Amino acid sequence: TGRGVAWSKEHNPTVSLDTKTSDGSGVGKFTSAIVGLEPGTTYYVRAYVTNAFGTSYGEEVSFTTSIELSKVTTTSVSDITSKSAKSGGNVTSDGGSSVTERGVVWGTVANPDLSNSNKLISGNGKGGFTSSITGLTPNTKYYVRAYATNSKGTSYGEQVSFTTDSEGNTE
């Protein structure tokens, strides 16, 4: 009368869980779409079939979802002077692996990254952060992006540009 799969982060998932599919009835092969999974997480899955006598389960199998790059946004630049500015970012997702480093990269060439730019580390983990960028040249256009690194690699927020004030204006 019913068939599908049940899954959980714990061993031996059952149909009493909300995390199950319902894939029709009858005998034969079927395929289930398991959705709403978290990255970097091990899940346990069992097929089930229900008839007038109850529910029986297939053998348990497990899999681990892949880790994704973290998600980070760049905040707008503020407090611009001839030699400094403030920017930062917000790490909104760690991608299933702890963010081990976050901060901003900047330079005079578009799309700065860790390989070709200045960087300022602003801690680790998820959440917002602000960085004070110093040592800038007056009356110069700069590009800045927030970055976040986890075990999958480094991701970048959108690029923001700004121009430092001329030498006489330090406010």
C-alpha atoms as a PDB file:
ATOM      1  CA  THR A   1       0.000   0.000   0.000  1.00  0.00           C
ATOM      2  CA  GLY A   2       3.005   2.323   0.314  1.00  0.00           C
ATOM      3  CA  ARG A   3       6.716   2.528  -0.330  1.00  0.00           C
ATOM      4  CA  GLY A   4       9.551   5.035  -0.176  1.00  0.00           C
ATOM      5  CA  VAL A   5      12.638   5.846   1.837  1.00  0.00           C
ATOM      6  CA  ALA A   6      13.164   7.291   5.304  1.00  0.00           C
ATOM      7  CA  TRP A   7      16.337   9.206   6.231  1.00  0.00           C
ATOM      8  CA  SER A   8      17.893  10.734   9.307  1.00  0.00           C
ATOM      9  CA  LYS A   9      21.160  11.882  10.831  1.00  0.00           C
ATOM     10  CA  GLU A  10      20.663   8.976  13.255  1.00  0.00           C
ATOM     11  CA  HIS A  11      20.804   5.237  12.536  1.00  0.00           C
ATOM     12  CA  ASN A  12      17.657   3.250  11.681  1.00  0.00           C
ATOM     13  CA  PRO A  13      15.283   5.925  10.347  1.00  0.00           C
ATOM     14  CA  THR A  14      11.592   4.990  10.316  1.00  0.00           C
ATOM     15  CA  VAL A  15       8.370   6.142   8.666  1.00  0.00           C
ATOM     16  CA  SER A  16       7.424   7.943  11.869  1.00  0.00           C
ATOM     17  CA  LEU A  17       9.856  10.708  10.827  1.00  0.00           C
ATOM     18  CA  ASP A  18       8.947  13.705   8.694  1.00  0.00           C
ATOM     19  CA  THR A  19      12.039  12.945   6.586  1.00  0.00           C
ATOM     20  CA  LYS A  20      10.595  10.299   4.316  1.00  0.00           C
ATOM     21  CA  THR A  21       9.264   9.989   0.799  1.00  0.00           C
ATOM     22  CA  SER A  22       6.086   8.393  -0.449  1.00  0.00           C
ATOM     23  CA  ASP A  23       6.740   6.757  -3.804  1.00  0.00           C
ATOM     24  CA  GLY A  24       3.510   5.059  -4.715  1.00  0.00           C
ATOM     25  CA  SER A  25       2.555   1.464  -4.030  1.00  0.00           C
ATOM     26  CA  GLY A  26       2.980  -1.983  -5.494  1.00  0.00           C
ATOM     27  CA  VAL A  27       6.033  -4.055  -6.336  1.00  0.00           C
ATOM     28  CA  GLY A  28       9.028  -3.102  -8.456  1.00  0.00           C
ATOM     29  CA  LYS A  29      11.817  -0.567  -8.503  1.00  0.00           C
ATOM     30  CA  PHE A  30      11.326   3.056  -7.529  1.00  0.00           C
ATOM     31  CA  THR A  31      13.469   6.136  -7.126  1.00  0.00           C
ATOM     32  CA  SER A  32      13.134   8.682  -4.338  1.00  0.00           C
ATOM     33  CA  ALA A  33      14.226  12.321  -4.273  1.00  0.00           C
ATOM     34  CA  ILE A  34      15.768  13.174  -0.911  1.00  0.00           C
ATOM     35  CA  VAL A  35      15.673  16.955  -0.422  1.00  0.00           C
ATOM     36  CA  GLY A  36      16.436  19.542   2.252  1.00  0.00           C
ATOM     37  CA  LEU A  37      19.818  18.096   3.210  1.00  0.00           C
ATOM     38  CA  GLU A  38      22.588  20.006   4.967  1.00  0.00           C
ATOM     39  CA  PRO A  39      26.078  20.157   3.430  1.00  0.00           C
ATOM     40  CA  GLY A  40      28.873  18.129   5.024  1.00  0.00           C
ATOM     41  CA  THR A  41      26.435  15.891   6.920  1.00  0.00           C
ATOM     42  CA  THR A  42      26.166  12.099   7.159  1.00  0.00           C
ATOM     43  CA  TYR A  43      22.692  10.669   6.603  1.00  0.00           C
ATOM     44  CA  TYR A  44      21.287   7.160   7.079  1.00  0.00           C
ATOM     45  CA  VAL A  45      18.645   5.885   4.660  1.00  0.00           C
ATOM     46  CA  ARG A  46      16.362   2.856   4.556  1.00  0.00           C
ATOM     47  CA  ALA A  47      13.806   1.878   1.954  1.00  0.00           C
ATOM     48  CA  TYR A  48      10.444   0.850   3.351  1.00  0.00           C
ATOM     49  CA  VAL A  49       7.302  -0.895   2.209  1.00  0.00           C
ATOM     50  CA  THR A  50       3.976  -0.899   3.999  1.00  0.00           C
ATOM     51  CA  ASN A  51       1.188  -3.476   3.552  1.00  0.00           C
ATOM     52  CA  ALA A  52      -1.731  -4.770   5.597  1.00  0.00           C
ATOM     53  CA  PHE A  53       0.670  -6.498   7.984  1.00  0.00           C
ATOM     54  CA  GLY A  54       2.803  -3.440   8.774  1.00  0.00           C
ATOM     55  CA  THR A  55       6.005  -1.785   7.585  1.00  0.00           C
ATOM     56  CA  SER A  56       9.289  -3.491   6.779  1.00  0.00           C
ATOM     57  CA  TYR A  57      12.627  -1.901   5.966  1.00  0.00           C
ATOM     58  CA  GLY A  58      15.537  -2.585   3.651  1.00  0.00           C
ATOM     59  CA  GLU A  59      19.115  -2.481   4.815  1.00  0.00           C
ATOM     60  CA  GLU A  60      20.460   0.824   6.021  1.00  0.00           C
ATOM     61  CA  VAL A  61      22.902   2.710   3.806  1.00  0.00           C
ATOM     62  CA  SER A  62      24.677   5.955   4.586  1.00  0.00           C
ATOM     63  CA  PHE A  63      26.105   8.849   2.617  1.00  0.00           C
ATOM     64  CA  THR A  64      27.707  12.184   3.380  1.00  0.00           C
ATOM     65  CA  THR A  65      26.666  15.294   1.517  1.00  0.00           C
ATOM     66  CA  SER A  66      29.419  17.362  -0.026  1.00  0.00           C
ATOM     67  CA  ILE A  67      30.792  20.500   1.558  1.00  0.00           C
ATOM     68  CA  GLU A  68      30.170  23.741  -0.300  1.00  0.00           C
ATOM     69  CA  LEU A  69      32.018  27.017  -0.358  1.00  0.00           C
ATOM     70  CA  SER A  70      30.873  29.435   2.303  1.00  0.00           C
ATOM     71  CA  LYS A  71      28.626  32.325   1.304  1.00  0.00           C
ATOM     72  CA  VAL A  72      29.823  35.856   2.031  1.00  0.00           C
ATOM     73  CA  THR A  73      28.656  39.338   1.072  1.00  0.00           C
ATOM     74  CA  THR A  74      30.731  42.522   0.976  1.00  0.00           C
ATOM     75  CA  THR A  75      29.525  45.551   2.927  1.00  0.00           C
ATOM     76  CA  SER A  76      29.698  49.014   1.421  1.00  0.00           C
ATOM     77  CA  VAL A  77      32.781  51.124   2.028  1.00  0.00           C
ATOM     78  CA  SER A  78      32.542  53.901   4.616  1.00  0.00           C
ATOM     79  CA  ASP A  79      34.741  56.356   6.493  1.00  0.00           C
ATOM     80  CA  ILE A  80      36.874  56.991   3.402  1.00  0.00           C
ATOM     81  CA  THR A  81      39.859  59.291   3.963  1.00  0.00           C
ATOM     82  CA  SER A  82      42.994  59.902   1.902  1.00  0.00           C
ATOM     83  CA  LYS A  83      44.760  56.900   3.496  1.00  0.00           C
ATOM     84  CA  SER A  84      42.076  54.626   4.957  1.00  0.00           C
ATOM     85  CA  ALA A  85      38.558  53.252   4.628  1.00  0.00           C
ATOM     86  CA  LYS A  86      36.259  50.740   6.311  1.00  0.00           C
ATOM     87  CA  SER A  87      34.557  47.784   4.720  1.00  0.00           C
ATOM     88  CA  GLY A  88      33.793  44.233   5.755  1.00  0.00           C
ATOM     89  CA  GLY A  89      31.351  41.491   5.107  1.00  0.00           C
ATOM     90  CA  ASN A  90      28.829  39.010   6.368  1.00  0.00           C
ATOM     91  CA  VAL A  91      29.363  35.248   6.242  1.00  0.00           C
ATOM     92  CA  THR A  92      25.814  33.958   5.852  1.00  0.00           C
ATOM     93  CA  SER A  93      26.635  30.242   5.408  1.00  0.00           C
ATOM     94  CA  ASP A  94      29.679  28.165   6.293  1.00  0.00           C
ATOM     95  CA  GLY A  95      28.875  25.611   3.559  1.00  0.00           C
ATOM     96  CA  GLY A  96      28.934  22.725   6.022  1.00  0.00           C
ATOM     97  CA  SER A  97      32.516  23.287   7.177  1.00  0.00           C
ATOM     98  CA  SER A  98      33.759  25.833   9.709  1.00  0.00           C
ATOM     99  CA  VAL A  99      34.961  29.147   8.313  1.00  0.00           C
ATOM    100  CA  THR A 100      38.598  29.207   9.398  1.00  0.00           C
ATOM    101  CA  GLU A 101      39.382  32.694   8.088  1.00  0.00           C
ATOM    102  CA  ARG A 102      37.403  35.692   6.905  1.00  0.00           C
ATOM    103  CA  GLY A 103      38.278  39.239   5.994  1.00  0.00           C
ATOM    104  CA  VAL A 104      38.689  41.600   3.065  1.00  0.00           C
ATOM    105  CA  VAL A 105      41.045  41.763   0.104  1.00  0.00           C
ATOM    106  CA  TRP A 106      41.705  44.988  -1.781  1.00  0.00           C
ATOM    107  CA  GLY A 107      43.843  46.482  -4.491  1.00  0.00           C
ATOM    108  CA  THR A 108      43.921  48.820  -7.451  1.00  0.00           C
ATOM    109  CA  VAL A 109      43.070  46.010  -9.895  1.00  0.00           C
ATOM    110  CA  ALA A 110      39.486  44.742 -10.267  1.00  0.00           C
ATOM    111  CA  ASN A 111      38.431  41.459  -8.632  1.00  0.00           C
ATOM    112  CA  PRO A 112      41.053  41.288  -5.892  1.00  0.00           C
ATOM    113  CA  ASP A 113      41.680  37.854  -4.408  1.00  0.00           C
ATOM    114  CA  LEU A 114      44.060  36.207  -1.953  1.00  0.00           C
ATOM    115  CA  SER A 115      46.672  35.544  -4.635  1.00  0.00           C
ATOM    116  CA  ASN A 116      47.150  39.090  -5.919  1.00  0.00           C
ATOM    117  CA  SER A 117      45.956  41.590  -3.341  1.00  0.00           C
ATOM    118  CA  ASN A 118      46.317  43.039   0.114  1.00  0.00           C
ATOM    119  CA  LYS A 119      44.333  41.219   2.769  1.00  0.00           C
ATOM    120  CA  LEU A 120      43.100  41.954   6.244  1.00  0.00           C
ATOM    121  CA  ILE A 121      41.981  38.979   8.353  1.00  0.00           C
ATOM    122  CA  SER A 122      38.928  39.659  10.516  1.00  0.00           C
ATOM    123  CA  GLY A 123      38.498  36.442  12.468  1.00  0.00           C
ATOM    124  CA  ASN A 124      36.594  33.284  11.592  1.00  0.00           C
ATOM    125  CA  GLY A 125      33.107  31.789  11.692  1.00  0.00           C
ATOM    126  CA  LYS A 126      29.770  33.064  10.456  1.00  0.00           C
ATOM    127  CA  GLY A 127      28.381  36.563  10.970  1.00  0.00           C
ATOM    128  CA  GLY A 128      29.224  40.133  10.170  1.00  0.00           C
ATOM    129  CA  PHE A 129      32.584  41.841  10.493  1.00  0.00           C
ATOM    130  CA  THR A 130      34.163  45.241   9.798  1.00  0.00           C
ATOM    131  CA  SER A 131      37.730  45.836   8.668  1.00  0.00           C
ATOM    132  CA  SER A 132      39.736  49.055   8.777  1.00  0.00           C
ATOM    133  CA  ILE A 133      41.820  49.269   5.623  1.00  0.00           C
ATOM    134  CA  THR A 134      44.893  51.464   6.095  1.00  0.00           C
ATOM    135  CA  GLY A 135      48.025  52.455   4.209  1.00  0.00           C
ATOM    136  CA  LEU A 136      46.106  53.609   1.127  1.00  0.00           C
ATOM    137  CA  THR A 137      47.321  56.139  -1.411  1.00  0.00           C
ATOM    138  CA  PRO A 138      45.414  59.458  -1.712  1.00  0.00           C
ATOM    139  CA  ASN A 139      43.162  60.060  -4.727  1.00  0.00           C
ATOM    140  CA  THR A 140      43.317  56.401  -5.861  1.00  0.00           C
ATOM    141  CA  LYS A 141      40.571  54.020  -6.957  1.00  0.00           C
ATOM    142  CA  TYR A 142      40.477  50.749  -5.012  1.00  0.00           C
ATOM    143  CA  TYR A 143      38.469  47.550  -5.307  1.00  0.00           C
ATOM    144  CA  VAL A 144      37.519  45.513  -2.247  1.00  0.00           C
ATOM    145  CA  ARG A 145      35.824  42.154  -1.669  1.00  0.00           C
ATOM    146  CA  ALA A 146      35.037  40.211   1.483  1.00  0.00           C
ATOM    147  CA  TYR A 147      36.255  36.618   1.576  1.00  0.00           C
ATOM    148  CA  ALA A 148      35.649  33.502   3.662  1.00  0.00           C
ATOM    149  CA  THR A 149      37.648  30.277   3.691  1.00  0.00           C
ATOM    150  CA  ASN A 150      36.470  26.817   4.747  1.00  0.00           C
ATOM    151  CA  SER A 151      37.826  23.326   3.995  1.00  0.00           C
ATOM    152  CA  LYS A 152      36.361  23.470   0.458  1.00  0.00           C
ATOM    153  CA  GLY A 153      38.204  26.691  -0.428  1.00  0.00           C
ATOM    154  CA  THR A 154      37.759  30.453  -0.498  1.00  0.00           C
ATOM    155  CA  SER A 155      34.682  32.318  -1.656  1.00  0.00           C
ATOM    156  CA  TYR A 156      34.342  36.033  -2.305  1.00  0.00           C
ATOM    157  CA  GLY A 157      31.586  38.589  -1.898  1.00  0.00           C
ATOM    158  CA  GLU A 158      30.693  41.041  -4.612  1.00  0.00           C
ATOM    159  CA  GLN A 159      33.261  43.648  -5.568  1.00  0.00           C
ATOM    160  CA  VAL A 160      32.870  47.208  -4.277  1.00  0.00           C
ATOM    161  CA  SER A 161      34.981  50.130  -5.494  1.00  0.00           C
ATOM    162  CA  PHE A 162      35.866  53.445  -3.895  1.00  0.00           C
ATOM    163  CA  THR A 163      38.276  56.322  -4.407  1.00  0.00           C
ATOM    164  CA  THR A 164      40.320  57.724  -1.546  1.00  0.00           C
ATOM    165  CA  ASP A 165      40.161  61.429  -0.830  1.00  0.00           C
ATOM    166  CA  SER A 166      42.873  63.795  -1.972  1.00  0.00           C
ATOM    167  CA  GLU A 167      45.778  64.363   0.455  1.00  0.00           C
ATOM    168  CA  GLY A 168      44.308  67.467   2.061  1.00  0.00           C
ATOM    169  CA  ASN A 169      40.999  65.821   3.042  1.00  0.00           C
ATOM    170  CA  THR A 170      41.369  63.342   5.892  1.00  0.00           C
ATOM    171  CA  GLU A 171      37.782  63.388   7.180  1.00  0.00           C
END
